[in-house]
Amino acid sequence: MKDIALWDEGDWIAAIAAVTLFAVLVIGGMIAARRSQEVVGHPRGLFVLFYTEMWERFSYYGMRALLILYLTKHWLFEDGKASLIYGAYTSLVYITPVLGGWLADRYLGQRKAVLFGGLLLALGHGFMAFEGDGSGFDSDPTISIFWLALSFIIVGSGFLKANISVIVGQLYGITDERRDSAYTIFYMGINTGAALGTILVGYLGETIGWGYGFGLAGIGMVLGLIIFAFGKPALMGQGEPPAPLAKVREYSLYGVGVAAVAGIWFLIQYQNVVGTLLGIAGIILLGYVLFEAFKMEKHPRERIFAIIFLVALQPLFWGLFEQAGGSLNLFTDRYVDRGGVPASLFQSINAIFIVLLGPIFASLWIFLSKRNIEPSTPAKFGLGIVQVGLGFLVFTWGANALGGALVPVFLVFLIYFLHTSGELCLSPVGLSAMNRLAPKHMASLIMGAWFFMTAWGNFVAGKIGEATGGGEGGEMTKEGTLAIYTSIGWLAVGIGVVVMLLAPLVKRWMHLDTLNDDNVGDDLLGADEAGEPQGPGIHPATRPLN
């Protein structure tokens, strides 16, 4: 053990994270032991989902913080190729929820889909611990196990991500004003796990050994599975199969998941094929959603149009935001004055800001709503896109103005602050909007479509990262990366302003105030009593508030 006097900044950060993790475990146990059905004004099931997702994000973001460094330092991929692999991997993580969501909607139910996904994730993170001899991807056969590990994680995320978010919404009535607050609390769970996982997994991986970091990520996923399995009573029957499911059919559906692992194992090795398939799948998905929309009445049909507008903004936002784990991670490792702190630990800044700022934003939306001055959902999206663009512009302006061989570390904190405030205007708000606007029979599919467009964003992020690395076989330069960051920053600011100008039109498509009385709180009940016609397959309880 190191003498305390010899500990550097990275050691202290990891130690504080470990103590925090222990405190989180104690608090989680206390909540699980409570007999009351509510905790701080929310259903106890929200916190079962909170802790399950926290551990899943602990494992995922811990591995993500190491991935591009692992690709370039251990497997010896060039920067451009490593960024492309990173982008293909993260995009596939977000496209598979379409499959997992569809199977849950039609057959498995969300709870069983989450359990199955968690099992695949635990296996995937376990396989990541097999790191080989470090001789490079072209001479070490262990690379096949690495591709397999990524495949298990990708498919496991597909069964877990969309479905656990849907269960959150099922715990609340459609007229419950706590819904946005609940999703923000849930989002804080995601980022608590992301922060702790990034610090502890990243620290172990970079200072002791890659396998130790990835192994800890696997342990985190197993803990999440245990919490979810034992927390079933707190879910109050939500997330169960839509109809009784025979065991033979249930196991055959799990077989579909295993077959998907084999298909992903091939795709992840041929990254450019992923982009082509994303395009084809996107056209099919859009066509299906529109086909269903045109069978509905005017109001639910236009709500689908609003959904399409919102999800279409995902590739831009996440394409820029996800530079964090790719090109910005490499840039921090090579061109930032880090003071001895491992580069992967800086991935925790965003998650820590989310935890700190999440309650402020949750309270802010409620405060503004009570005074009828809350920005609409599309306006919040525009604000989020503007802020992610400003993050890049401030970063590049500071780096160029201050000069020097190394960029001052405070600029890294500043870009993450602006990106985090932008994320809080878009991501939890978007999750809530998808759940509210979607008709009941398409709930998980729409949530899957949300993650699908996030997948596009992650693939775009990989292509941008490839460009910062000078192409597939190139290496990153400081000047070239800053020039690209400046261009994408101005692009984002311009598009964000256009979105805010279009926000009033999109808000009308959402049909928030169906009684035209400036009070959306009584709309569903009032519309039902007035006999307002419903679209085909639209249950009254699926009509949104705002």
Protein backbone atom coordinates (compact mmCIF):
# COMPACT_ATOMS: atom_id res chain seq x y z
CA MET A 1 0.00 0.00 0.00
CA LYS A 2 1.24 3.48 -0.84
CA ASP A 3 2.30 5.81 1.95
CA ILE A 4 -0.41 8.47 2.27
CA ALA A 5 2.19 11.20 1.84
CA LEU A 6 2.98 9.78 -1.62
CA TRP A 7 -0.61 9.68 -2.84
CA ASP A 8 -1.24 11.79 -5.94
CA GLU A 9 -4.45 13.46 -7.04
CA GLY A 10 -5.73 10.34 -8.79
CA ASP A 11 -5.29 8.23 -5.64
CA TRP A 12 -7.27 10.71 -3.54
CA ILE A 13 -10.07 10.94 -6.11
CA ALA A 14 -10.38 7.14 -6.25
CA ALA A 15 -10.38 6.87 -2.44
CA ILE A 16 -13.14 9.47 -2.11
CA ALA A 17 -15.15 7.66 -4.81
CA ALA A 18 -14.80 4.36 -2.95
CA VAL A 19 -16.08 5.92 0.29
CA THR A 20 -18.98 7.51 -1.62
CA LEU A 21 -19.81 4.16 -3.19
CA PHE A 22 -20.00 2.56 0.26
CA ALA A 23 -22.32 5.35 1.46
CA VAL A 24 -24.56 4.81 -1.57
CA LEU A 25 -24.76 1.09 -0.77
CA VAL A 26 -25.82 1.83 2.82
CA ILE A 27 -28.50 4.31 1.71
CA GLY A 28 -29.77 1.84 -0.89
CA GLY A 29 -30.08 -0.86 1.76
CA MET A 30 -32.04 1.46 4.03
CA ILE A 31 -34.50 2.31 1.26
CA ALA A 32 -34.89 -1.37 0.32
CA ALA A 33 -35.69 -2.21 3.95
CA ARG A 34 -38.46 0.41 4.24
CA ARG A 35 -42.00 -0.88 4.42
CA SER A 36 -43.56 2.37 3.25
CA GLN A 37 -44.55 2.40 -0.41
CA GLU A 38 -43.22 5.96 -0.81
CA VAL A 39 -39.80 7.53 -0.29
CA VAL A 40 -39.45 11.34 -0.33
CA GLY A 41 -42.82 11.61 -2.05
CA HIS A 42 -42.14 9.05 -4.81
CA PRO A 43 -43.00 5.34 -5.14
CA ARG A 44 -40.37 3.07 -3.59
CA GLY A 45 -40.13 1.28 -6.93
CA LEU A 46 -38.52 4.39 -8.43
CA PHE A 47 -35.53 3.84 -6.16
CA VAL A 48 -35.28 0.13 -7.02
CA LEU A 49 -35.02 1.26 -10.64
CA PHE A 50 -32.68 4.08 -9.58
CA TYR A 51 -30.20 1.67 -7.99
CA THR A 52 -30.51 -0.93 -10.74
CA GLU A 53 -29.76 1.64 -13.41
CA MET A 54 -27.05 3.18 -11.23
CA TRP A 55 -25.10 -0.09 -11.19
CA GLU A 56 -25.69 -0.71 -14.88
CA ARG A 57 -24.33 2.75 -15.64
CA PHE A 58 -21.45 2.14 -13.19
CA SER A 59 -20.38 -0.78 -15.33
CA TYR A 60 -21.12 0.78 -18.72
CA TYR A 61 -19.54 4.20 -18.17
CA GLY A 62 -16.60 2.74 -16.28
CA MET A 63 -15.81 0.59 -19.30
CA ARG A 64 -16.55 3.47 -21.69
CA ALA A 65 -14.04 5.75 -19.94
CA LEU A 66 -11.31 3.21 -20.62
CA LEU A 67 -12.38 2.01 -24.06
CA ILE A 68 -10.63 4.38 -26.46
CA LEU A 69 -7.50 4.43 -24.27
CA TYR A 70 -7.60 0.62 -24.20
CA LEU A 71 -7.95 0.52 -27.99
CA THR A 72 -4.99 2.83 -28.61
CA LYS A 73 -2.65 1.81 -25.77
CA HIS A 74 -3.35 -1.91 -25.41
CA TRP A 75 -4.64 -3.09 -28.79
CA LEU A 76 -2.49 -0.46 -30.60
CA PHE A 77 -5.17 0.80 -33.01
CA GLU A 78 -4.46 4.14 -34.73
CA ASP A 79 -6.45 7.11 -33.40
CA GLY A 80 -8.83 7.34 -36.37
CA LYS A 81 -9.62 3.62 -36.37
CA ALA A 82 -10.06 3.56 -32.59
CA SER A 83 -12.55 6.45 -32.81
CA LEU A 84 -14.50 4.59 -35.50
CA ILE A 85 -14.66 1.44 -33.35
CA TYR A 86 -15.74 3.53 -30.38
CA GLY A 87 -18.48 5.19 -32.43
CA ALA A 88 -19.72 1.89 -33.88
CA TYR A 89 -19.82 0.30 -30.44
CA THR A 90 -21.71 3.13 -28.74
CA SER A 91 -24.13 3.43 -31.67
CA LEU A 92 -24.96 -0.27 -31.52
CA VAL A 93 -25.54 0.07 -27.77
CA TYR A 94 -28.30 2.54 -28.59
CA ILE A 95 -29.87 0.76 -31.59
CA THR A 96 -30.51 -2.60 -29.92
CA PRO A 97 -33.19 -1.09 -27.60
CA VAL A 98 -35.49 -1.17 -30.66
CA LEU A 99 -35.32 -4.99 -30.57
CA GLY A 100 -35.49 -5.19 -26.79
CA GLY A 101 -38.36 -2.71 -26.63
CA TRP A 102 -40.39 -4.50 -29.31
CA LEU A 103 -40.00 -7.92 -27.65
CA ALA A 104 -40.94 -6.44 -24.27
CA ASP A 105 -44.03 -4.66 -25.67
CA ARG A 106 -45.34 -7.74 -27.45
CA TYR A 107 -44.22 -10.70 -25.36
CA LEU A 108 -41.75 -10.53 -22.47
CA GLY A 109 -42.85 -7.46 -20.55
CA GLN A 110 -40.31 -4.91 -19.39
CA ARG A 111 -39.29 -6.61 -16.13
CA LYS A 112 -38.17 -9.91 -17.69
CA ALA A 113 -36.44 -8.04 -20.50
CA VAL A 114 -34.43 -6.04 -17.95
CA LEU A 115 -33.40 -9.21 -16.09
CA PHE A 116 -32.25 -10.90 -19.30
CA GLY A 117 -30.40 -7.80 -20.44
CA GLY A 118 -28.64 -7.51 -17.10
CA LEU A 119 -27.44 -11.11 -17.36
CA LEU A 120 -25.96 -10.50 -20.83
CA LEU A 121 -24.29 -7.32 -19.58
CA ALA A 122 -22.69 -9.12 -16.64
CA LEU A 123 -21.28 -11.76 -19.02
CA GLY A 124 -19.98 -9.08 -21.39
CA HIS A 125 -18.16 -7.11 -18.71
CA GLY A 126 -16.72 -10.37 -17.40
CA PHE A 127 -15.27 -11.20 -20.82
CA MET A 128 -13.70 -7.73 -20.98
CA ALA A 129 -11.39 -8.80 -18.15
CA PHE A 130 -9.55 -11.10 -20.63
CA GLU A 131 -7.05 -8.58 -21.96
CA GLY A 132 -4.54 -10.81 -23.73
CA ASP A 133 -0.80 -10.18 -23.90
CA GLY A 134 -0.89 -6.59 -25.20
CA SER A 135 0.91 -7.39 -28.44
CA GLY A 136 -1.71 -5.63 -30.58
CA PHE A 137 -4.88 -6.52 -32.45
CA ASP A 138 -3.05 -8.06 -35.40
CA SER A 139 -1.10 -10.66 -33.39
CA ASP A 140 -3.15 -11.53 -30.28
CA PRO A 141 -6.03 -14.03 -30.79
CA THR A 142 -7.66 -12.73 -27.57
CA ILE A 143 -9.06 -9.92 -29.74
CA SER A 144 -11.92 -12.32 -30.62
CA ILE A 145 -12.93 -12.44 -26.94
CA PHE A 146 -12.82 -8.64 -26.88
CA TRP A 147 -15.27 -8.45 -29.82
CA LEU A 148 -17.49 -11.02 -28.09
CA ALA A 149 -17.47 -9.00 -24.86
CA LEU A 150 -18.59 -5.88 -26.73
CA SER A 151 -21.35 -7.91 -28.40
CA PHE A 152 -22.78 -9.15 -25.09
CA ILE A 153 -22.73 -5.60 -23.69
CA ILE A 154 -24.43 -4.18 -26.79
CA VAL A 155 -27.30 -6.69 -26.82
CA GLY A 156 -27.67 -6.63 -23.03
CA SER A 157 -28.06 -2.86 -23.14
CA GLY A 158 -30.73 -3.30 -25.79
CA PHE A 159 -32.89 -5.38 -23.47
CA LEU A 160 -32.29 -3.21 -20.41
CA LYS A 161 -32.07 0.47 -21.41
CA ALA A 162 -35.42 1.30 -23.01
CA ASN A 163 -37.43 -1.03 -20.81
CA ILE A 164 -36.23 0.17 -17.42
CA SER A 165 -37.08 3.74 -18.49
CA VAL A 166 -40.59 2.61 -19.45
CA ILE A 167 -41.16 1.04 -16.01
CA VAL A 168 -40.35 4.41 -14.42
CA GLY A 169 -43.24 5.97 -16.34
CA GLN A 170 -45.58 3.09 -15.44
CA LEU A 171 -45.23 3.89 -11.73
CA TYR A 172 -47.04 7.22 -12.27
CA GLY A 173 -50.46 8.15 -13.56
CA ILE A 174 -50.50 10.17 -16.76
CA THR A 175 -51.77 13.23 -14.86
CA ASP A 176 -49.18 12.91 -12.09
CA GLU A 177 -47.15 16.13 -11.87
CA ARG A 178 -44.23 14.21 -10.34
CA ARG A 179 -43.31 12.53 -13.63
CA ASP A 180 -40.68 15.02 -14.87
CA SER A 181 -39.24 15.13 -11.35
CA ALA A 182 -39.16 11.31 -11.26
CA TYR A 183 -37.25 11.09 -14.53
CA THR A 184 -34.77 13.68 -13.29
CA ILE A 185 -34.23 11.66 -10.08
CA PHE A 186 -33.81 8.54 -12.22
CA TYR A 187 -31.35 10.44 -14.39
CA MET A 188 -29.38 11.33 -11.27
CA GLY A 189 -29.13 7.59 -10.52
CA ILE A 190 -27.71 7.06 -13.99
CA ASN A 191 -25.08 9.71 -13.41
CA THR A 192 -24.23 8.69 -9.84
CA GLY A 193 -23.30 5.30 -11.23
CA ALA A 194 -21.52 6.88 -14.19
CA ALA A 195 -19.39 9.11 -11.94
CA LEU A 196 -18.40 6.38 -9.49
CA GLY A 197 -17.82 3.82 -12.24
CA THR A 198 -15.70 6.18 -14.29
CA ILE A 199 -13.46 7.04 -11.34
CA LEU A 200 -13.04 3.57 -9.84
CA VAL A 201 -13.01 1.48 -13.03
CA GLY A 202 -10.88 4.08 -14.81
CA TYR A 203 -8.44 4.33 -11.93
CA LEU A 204 -7.97 0.57 -11.63
CA GLY A 205 -7.70 0.14 -15.39
CA GLU A 206 -5.11 2.86 -15.97
CA THR A 207 -2.97 2.43 -12.83
CA ILE A 208 -3.14 -1.29 -11.96
CA GLY A 209 -4.30 -3.18 -15.03
CA TRP A 210 -7.02 -3.11 -17.68
CA GLY A 211 -8.48 -6.41 -16.51
CA TYR A 212 -8.95 -5.14 -12.95
CA GLY A 213 -10.95 -2.15 -14.14
CA PHE A 214 -13.16 -4.18 -16.45
CA GLY A 215 -13.62 -6.84 -13.78
CA LEU A 216 -14.92 -4.25 -11.32
CA ALA A 217 -17.40 -3.12 -13.98
CA GLY A 218 -18.73 -6.68 -14.18
CA ILE A 219 -19.16 -6.86 -10.40
CA GLY A 220 -21.19 -3.64 -10.52
CA MET A 221 -23.59 -5.13 -13.07
CA VAL A 222 -24.13 -8.24 -10.92
CA LEU A 223 -25.04 -6.00 -7.97
CA GLY A 224 -27.57 -4.20 -10.16
CA LEU A 225 -29.17 -7.51 -11.14
CA ILE A 226 -29.50 -8.57 -7.50
CA ILE A 227 -31.19 -5.29 -6.52
CA PHE A 228 -33.67 -5.52 -9.40
CA ALA A 229 -34.57 -9.17 -8.72
CA PHE A 230 -35.21 -8.63 -5.01
CA GLY A 231 -36.99 -5.33 -5.62
CA LYS A 232 -39.84 -6.89 -7.64
CA PRO A 233 -42.54 -6.23 -4.95
CA ALA A 234 -41.77 -2.50 -5.00
CA LEU A 235 -42.67 -2.33 -8.72
CA MET A 236 -46.33 -3.02 -7.81
CA GLY A 237 -46.93 -5.36 -10.73
CA GLN A 238 -45.61 -3.00 -13.40
CA GLY A 239 -43.58 -4.26 -16.37
CA GLU A 240 -45.15 -7.73 -16.54
CA PRO A 241 -45.89 -9.52 -19.87
CA PRO A 242 -48.96 -8.19 -21.72
CA ALA A 243 -50.38 -11.73 -21.85
CA PRO A 244 -49.51 -15.06 -20.17
CA LEU A 245 -46.29 -16.36 -21.70
CA ALA A 246 -45.50 -20.07 -22.07
CA LYS A 247 -42.01 -21.04 -20.89
CA VAL A 248 -41.10 -22.55 -24.27
CA ARG A 249 -41.94 -19.31 -26.03
CA GLU A 250 -40.17 -17.25 -23.38
CA TYR A 251 -36.96 -19.23 -23.79
CA SER A 252 -37.21 -18.97 -27.58
CA LEU A 253 -37.30 -15.19 -27.20
CA TYR A 254 -34.15 -15.33 -25.11
CA GLY A 255 -32.71 -17.37 -27.98
CA VAL A 256 -33.36 -14.40 -30.27
CA GLY A 257 -31.19 -12.33 -27.92
CA VAL A 258 -28.36 -14.86 -28.04
CA ALA A 259 -28.58 -14.97 -31.85
CA ALA A 260 -28.35 -11.16 -31.86
CA VAL A 261 -25.04 -11.44 -29.96
CA ALA A 262 -23.64 -13.51 -32.84
CA GLY A 263 -24.80 -10.96 -35.40
CA ILE A 264 -23.34 -8.04 -33.44
CA TRP A 265 -20.04 -9.91 -33.08
CA PHE A 266 -19.72 -9.69 -36.87
CA LEU A 267 -20.92 -6.09 -37.18
CA ILE A 268 -18.62 -4.60 -34.56
CA GLN A 269 -15.61 -5.81 -36.56
CA TYR A 270 -16.81 -4.05 -39.74
CA GLN A 271 -17.64 -0.59 -38.50
CA ASN A 272 -18.59 1.07 -41.80
CA VAL A 273 -21.26 -1.57 -42.35
CA VAL A 274 -22.89 -0.28 -39.16
CA GLY A 275 -23.46 3.13 -40.75
CA THR A 276 -25.17 1.58 -43.78
CA LEU A 277 -27.43 -0.58 -41.63
CA LEU A 278 -28.32 2.39 -39.43
CA GLY A 279 -29.52 4.24 -42.52
CA ILE A 280 -31.63 1.33 -43.76
CA ALA A 281 -33.08 0.60 -40.32
CA GLY A 282 -33.83 4.28 -39.78
CA ILE A 283 -35.89 4.48 -42.97
CA ILE A 284 -37.83 1.33 -42.01
CA LEU A 285 -38.47 2.59 -38.48
CA LEU A 286 -39.62 6.01 -39.71
CA GLY A 287 -41.91 4.37 -42.24
CA TYR A 288 -43.49 2.12 -39.62
CA VAL A 289 -44.06 4.97 -37.15
CA LEU A 290 -45.64 7.13 -39.87
CA PHE A 291 -47.80 4.19 -41.03
CA GLU A 292 -49.15 3.84 -37.49
CA ALA A 293 -49.55 7.62 -37.15
CA PHE A 294 -51.77 7.99 -40.21
CA LYS A 295 -54.21 5.45 -38.76
CA MET A 296 -54.84 7.78 -35.80
CA GLU A 297 -57.04 10.83 -35.24
CA LYS A 298 -55.60 14.33 -35.72
CA HIS A 299 -54.31 14.96 -32.19
CA PRO A 300 -52.46 11.67 -31.59
CA ARG A 301 -51.17 11.78 -35.19
CA GLU A 302 -49.66 15.22 -34.67
CA ARG A 303 -48.14 14.07 -31.39
CA ILE A 304 -46.29 11.44 -33.42
CA PHE A 305 -45.07 14.25 -35.71
CA ALA A 306 -43.78 16.07 -32.60
CA ILE A 307 -42.00 12.89 -31.51
CA ILE A 308 -40.33 12.60 -34.94
CA PHE A 309 -39.15 16.23 -34.76
CA LEU A 310 -37.65 15.75 -31.32
CA VAL A 311 -35.89 12.46 -32.04
CA ALA A 312 -34.50 13.86 -35.31
CA LEU A 313 -32.40 16.28 -33.22
CA GLN A 314 -30.69 13.41 -31.40
CA PRO A 315 -27.90 12.68 -33.93
CA LEU A 316 -26.69 16.28 -33.85
CA PHE A 317 -26.69 16.64 -30.08
CA TRP A 318 -25.15 13.27 -29.26
CA GLY A 319 -22.73 13.39 -32.18
CA LEU A 320 -21.16 16.42 -30.52
CA PHE A 321 -21.73 15.48 -26.90
CA GLU A 322 -20.19 12.00 -27.28
CA GLN A 323 -16.81 13.41 -28.24
CA ALA A 324 -16.36 13.17 -24.46
CA GLY A 325 -15.51 9.49 -24.49
CA GLY A 326 -13.71 9.60 -27.84
CA SER A 327 -11.70 12.50 -29.25
CA LEU A 328 -11.98 14.68 -26.12
CA ASN A 329 -10.74 11.77 -24.00
CA LEU A 330 -7.68 11.36 -26.24
CA PHE A 331 -7.16 15.13 -26.36
CA THR A 332 -7.24 15.29 -22.56
CA ASP A 333 -4.73 12.45 -22.33
CA ARG A 334 -2.25 14.13 -24.68
CA TYR A 335 -2.76 17.89 -24.71
CA VAL A 336 -4.18 18.92 -21.32
CA ASP A 337 -2.19 19.79 -18.19
CA ARG A 338 -3.78 17.05 -16.01
CA GLY A 339 -1.47 17.30 -12.99
CA GLY A 340 -0.91 13.55 -12.89
CA VAL A 341 -4.61 12.58 -12.83
CA PRO A 342 -5.39 9.66 -15.24
CA ALA A 343 -7.26 10.94 -18.31
CA SER A 344 -10.15 8.50 -17.87
CA LEU A 345 -11.11 10.09 -14.52
CA PHE A 346 -12.06 13.31 -16.31
CA GLN A 347 -14.97 11.38 -17.82
CA SER A 348 -16.61 11.63 -14.40
CA ILE A 349 -16.94 15.44 -14.57
CA ASN A 350 -20.11 15.34 -16.65
CA ALA A 351 -21.77 12.81 -14.35
CA ILE A 352 -20.80 14.77 -11.21
CA PHE A 353 -22.23 17.95 -12.71
CA ILE A 354 -25.45 16.05 -13.50
CA VAL A 355 -25.78 14.94 -9.86
CA LEU A 356 -25.11 18.50 -8.63
CA LEU A 357 -27.24 20.33 -11.18
CA GLY A 358 -30.03 17.74 -11.58
CA PRO A 359 -32.01 18.82 -8.48
CA ILE A 360 -31.60 22.47 -9.48
CA PHE A 361 -33.03 21.86 -12.95
CA ALA A 362 -35.83 19.66 -11.58
CA SER A 363 -36.84 22.42 -9.18
CA LEU A 364 -36.39 25.09 -11.85
CA TRP A 365 -38.88 23.45 -14.25
CA ILE A 366 -41.47 23.17 -11.46
CA PHE A 367 -40.84 26.78 -10.37
CA LEU A 368 -41.26 28.09 -13.93
CA SER A 369 -44.27 25.86 -14.61
CA LYS A 370 -46.19 27.23 -11.63
CA ARG A 371 -45.69 30.72 -13.08
CA ASN A 372 -46.60 29.62 -16.64
CA ILE A 373 -43.18 30.63 -18.00
CA GLU A 374 -41.58 27.18 -18.37
CA PRO A 375 -39.98 26.72 -21.83
CA SER A 376 -41.74 24.13 -23.97
CA THR A 377 -40.09 20.77 -24.62
CA PRO A 378 -38.87 21.75 -28.13
CA ALA A 379 -37.56 25.07 -26.78
CA LYS A 380 -35.58 23.16 -24.14
CA PHE A 381 -34.13 21.02 -26.94
CA GLY A 382 -32.99 24.16 -28.76
CA LEU A 383 -31.37 25.48 -25.59
CA GLY A 384 -29.56 22.18 -25.12
CA ILE A 385 -28.13 22.20 -28.65
CA VAL A 386 -26.97 25.82 -28.32
CA GLN A 387 -25.16 25.00 -25.08
CA VAL A 388 -23.31 21.99 -26.47
CA GLY A 389 -22.11 24.18 -29.34
CA LEU A 390 -21.02 26.93 -26.96
CA GLY A 391 -19.03 24.36 -24.99
CA PHE A 392 -16.81 23.65 -28.00
CA LEU A 393 -16.49 27.34 -28.89
CA VAL A 394 -15.43 28.35 -25.37
CA PHE A 395 -12.97 25.43 -25.20
CA THR A 396 -11.29 26.27 -28.51
CA TRP A 397 -11.28 30.01 -27.83
CA GLY A 398 -9.60 29.45 -24.47
CA ALA A 399 -7.07 26.96 -25.84
CA ASN A 400 -6.08 29.28 -28.71
CA ALA A 401 -6.06 32.47 -26.61
CA LEU A 402 -3.96 31.07 -23.76
CA GLY A 403 -1.52 29.23 -26.03
CA GLY A 404 1.15 26.95 -24.57
CA ALA A 405 1.97 23.33 -25.24
CA LEU A 406 -0.70 22.07 -22.83
CA VAL A 407 -4.28 23.31 -22.48
CA PRO A 408 -5.23 24.51 -18.95
CA VAL A 409 -7.35 21.93 -17.17
CA PHE A 410 -10.06 24.44 -16.19
CA LEU A 411 -11.18 24.52 -19.85
CA VAL A 412 -12.01 20.81 -19.63
CA PHE A 413 -14.23 21.54 -16.64
CA LEU A 414 -15.85 24.43 -18.53
CA ILE A 415 -16.71 22.42 -21.66
CA TYR A 416 -18.22 19.67 -19.51
CA PHE A 417 -20.24 22.23 -17.54
CA LEU A 418 -21.82 23.68 -20.68
CA HIS A 419 -22.41 20.23 -22.17
CA THR A 420 -24.01 19.06 -18.92
CA SER A 421 -26.39 22.02 -18.71
CA GLY A 422 -27.31 21.32 -22.33
CA GLU A 423 -27.87 17.65 -21.58
CA LEU A 424 -30.22 18.50 -18.70
CA CYS A 425 -32.31 20.60 -21.10
CA LEU A 426 -32.61 17.70 -23.54
CA SER A 427 -32.10 14.17 -22.29
CA PRO A 428 -34.34 13.74 -19.19
CA VAL A 429 -36.91 16.07 -20.78
CA GLY A 430 -36.85 13.91 -23.91
CA LEU A 431 -37.31 10.69 -21.96
CA SER A 432 -40.37 12.16 -20.28
CA ALA A 433 -41.76 13.49 -23.58
CA MET A 434 -41.42 10.11 -25.32
CA ASN A 435 -43.27 8.39 -22.48
CA ARG A 436 -46.05 10.99 -22.45
CA LEU A 437 -46.59 11.47 -26.17
CA ALA A 438 -46.42 7.83 -27.27
CA PRO A 439 -49.62 5.78 -27.51
CA LYS A 440 -49.65 2.90 -25.04
CA HIS A 441 -49.32 0.16 -27.66
CA MET A 442 -46.13 1.82 -28.99
CA ALA A 443 -44.56 2.92 -25.68
CA SER A 444 -41.41 0.79 -25.73
CA LEU A 445 -41.02 1.08 -29.50
CA ILE A 446 -41.05 4.89 -29.28
CA MET A 447 -38.56 4.75 -26.41
CA GLY A 448 -36.50 2.41 -28.58
CA ALA A 449 -36.71 4.92 -31.45
CA TRP A 450 -35.39 7.58 -29.06
CA PHE A 451 -32.37 5.42 -28.33
CA PHE A 452 -32.07 4.51 -32.02
CA MET A 453 -31.52 8.14 -32.95
CA THR A 454 -29.06 8.38 -30.07
CA ALA A 455 -27.32 5.50 -31.85
CA TRP A 456 -27.07 7.62 -34.98
CA GLY A 457 -25.56 10.37 -32.85
CA ASN A 458 -22.92 8.02 -31.47
CA PHE A 459 -21.99 6.84 -34.96
CA VAL A 460 -21.73 10.49 -36.04
CA ALA A 461 -19.51 11.01 -32.98
CA GLY A 462 -17.25 8.23 -34.20
CA LYS A 463 -16.96 9.80 -37.66
CA ILE A 464 -16.16 13.20 -36.12
CA GLY A 465 -13.59 11.49 -33.92
CA GLU A 466 -12.16 9.75 -36.96
CA ALA A 467 -11.75 13.18 -38.58
CA THR A 468 -9.92 14.56 -35.54
CA GLY A 469 -7.58 11.59 -35.87
CA GLY A 470 -6.78 12.48 -39.48
CA GLY A 471 -8.84 9.65 -40.96
CA GLU A 472 -9.08 5.94 -40.24
CA GLY A 473 -5.35 5.37 -40.13
CA GLY A 474 -4.27 8.78 -38.88
CA GLU A 475 -3.17 10.37 -35.62
CA MET A 476 -4.70 13.27 -33.71
CA THR A 477 -3.08 16.73 -33.71
CA LYS A 478 -3.89 19.56 -31.32
CA GLU A 479 -4.44 22.20 -34.03
CA GLY A 480 -6.53 19.96 -36.28
CA THR A 481 -8.81 18.90 -33.43
CA LEU A 482 -9.39 22.48 -32.26
CA ALA A 483 -10.29 23.53 -35.82
CA ILE A 484 -12.91 20.77 -36.08
CA TYR A 485 -14.30 21.66 -32.65
CA THR A 486 -14.73 25.28 -33.78
CA SER A 487 -16.68 24.24 -36.91
CA ILE A 488 -19.06 21.88 -35.11
CA GLY A 489 -19.56 24.44 -32.33
CA TRP A 490 -20.85 27.13 -34.71
CA LEU A 491 -23.01 24.56 -36.54
CA ALA A 492 -24.70 23.53 -33.28
CA VAL A 493 -25.38 27.11 -32.17
CA GLY A 494 -27.02 27.91 -35.52
CA ILE A 495 -29.25 24.83 -35.53
CA GLY A 496 -30.21 25.37 -31.89
CA VAL A 497 -31.45 28.88 -32.68
CA VAL A 498 -33.57 27.53 -35.57
CA VAL A 499 -35.09 24.88 -33.26
CA MET A 500 -36.11 27.55 -30.74
CA LEU A 501 -37.79 29.52 -33.55
CA LEU A 502 -39.76 26.41 -34.58
CA ALA A 503 -40.66 25.49 -30.99
CA PRO A 504 -44.15 27.14 -30.97
CA LEU A 505 -45.24 25.10 -34.00
CA VAL A 506 -44.00 21.82 -32.52
CA LYS A 507 -45.64 22.64 -29.19
CA ARG A 508 -48.99 22.97 -31.01
CA TRP A 509 -48.46 19.48 -32.48
CA MET A 510 -48.12 18.15 -28.94
CA HIS A 511 -51.71 19.30 -28.12
CA LEU A 512 -51.06 20.07 -24.50
CA ASP A 513 -54.22 22.02 -23.71
CA THR A 514 -57.08 20.07 -25.28
CA LEU A 515 -59.72 22.05 -23.34
CA ASN A 516 -58.27 25.45 -24.32
CA ASP A 517 -58.37 26.69 -20.72
CA ASP A 518 -54.61 27.24 -20.16
CA ASN A 519 -54.64 24.42 -17.61
CA VAL A 520 -53.22 21.14 -18.85
CA GLY A 521 -53.72 19.43 -15.48
CA ASP A 522 -57.40 18.63 -16.15
CA ASP A 523 -57.19 17.95 -19.87
CA LEU A 524 -57.26 14.15 -19.93
CA LEU A 525 -60.16 13.85 -17.54
CA GLY A 526 -62.05 16.70 -19.19
CA ALA A 527 -61.53 15.38 -22.70
CA ASP A 528 -62.70 11.92 -21.71
CA GLU A 529 -65.82 13.27 -20.03
CA ALA A 530 -66.55 15.39 -23.09
CA GLY A 531 -66.30 12.32 -25.26
CA GLU A 532 -63.39 13.57 -27.37
CA PRO A 533 -62.68 10.88 -29.97
CA GLN A 534 -59.61 8.76 -29.52
CA GLY A 535 -57.39 7.51 -32.29
CA PRO A 536 -57.34 3.79 -33.11
CA GLY A 537 -55.51 1.89 -30.41
CA ILE A 538 -55.14 4.97 -28.19
CA HIS A 539 -56.11 4.38 -24.59
CA PRO A 540 -57.32 7.57 -22.80
CA ALA A 541 -54.66 7.14 -20.13
CA THR A 542 -51.92 7.58 -22.72
CA ARG A 543 -52.85 11.17 -23.55
CA PRO A 544 -50.06 13.58 -22.49
CA LEU A 545 -50.04 16.60 -20.23
CA ASN A 546 -47.14 18.70 -21.46
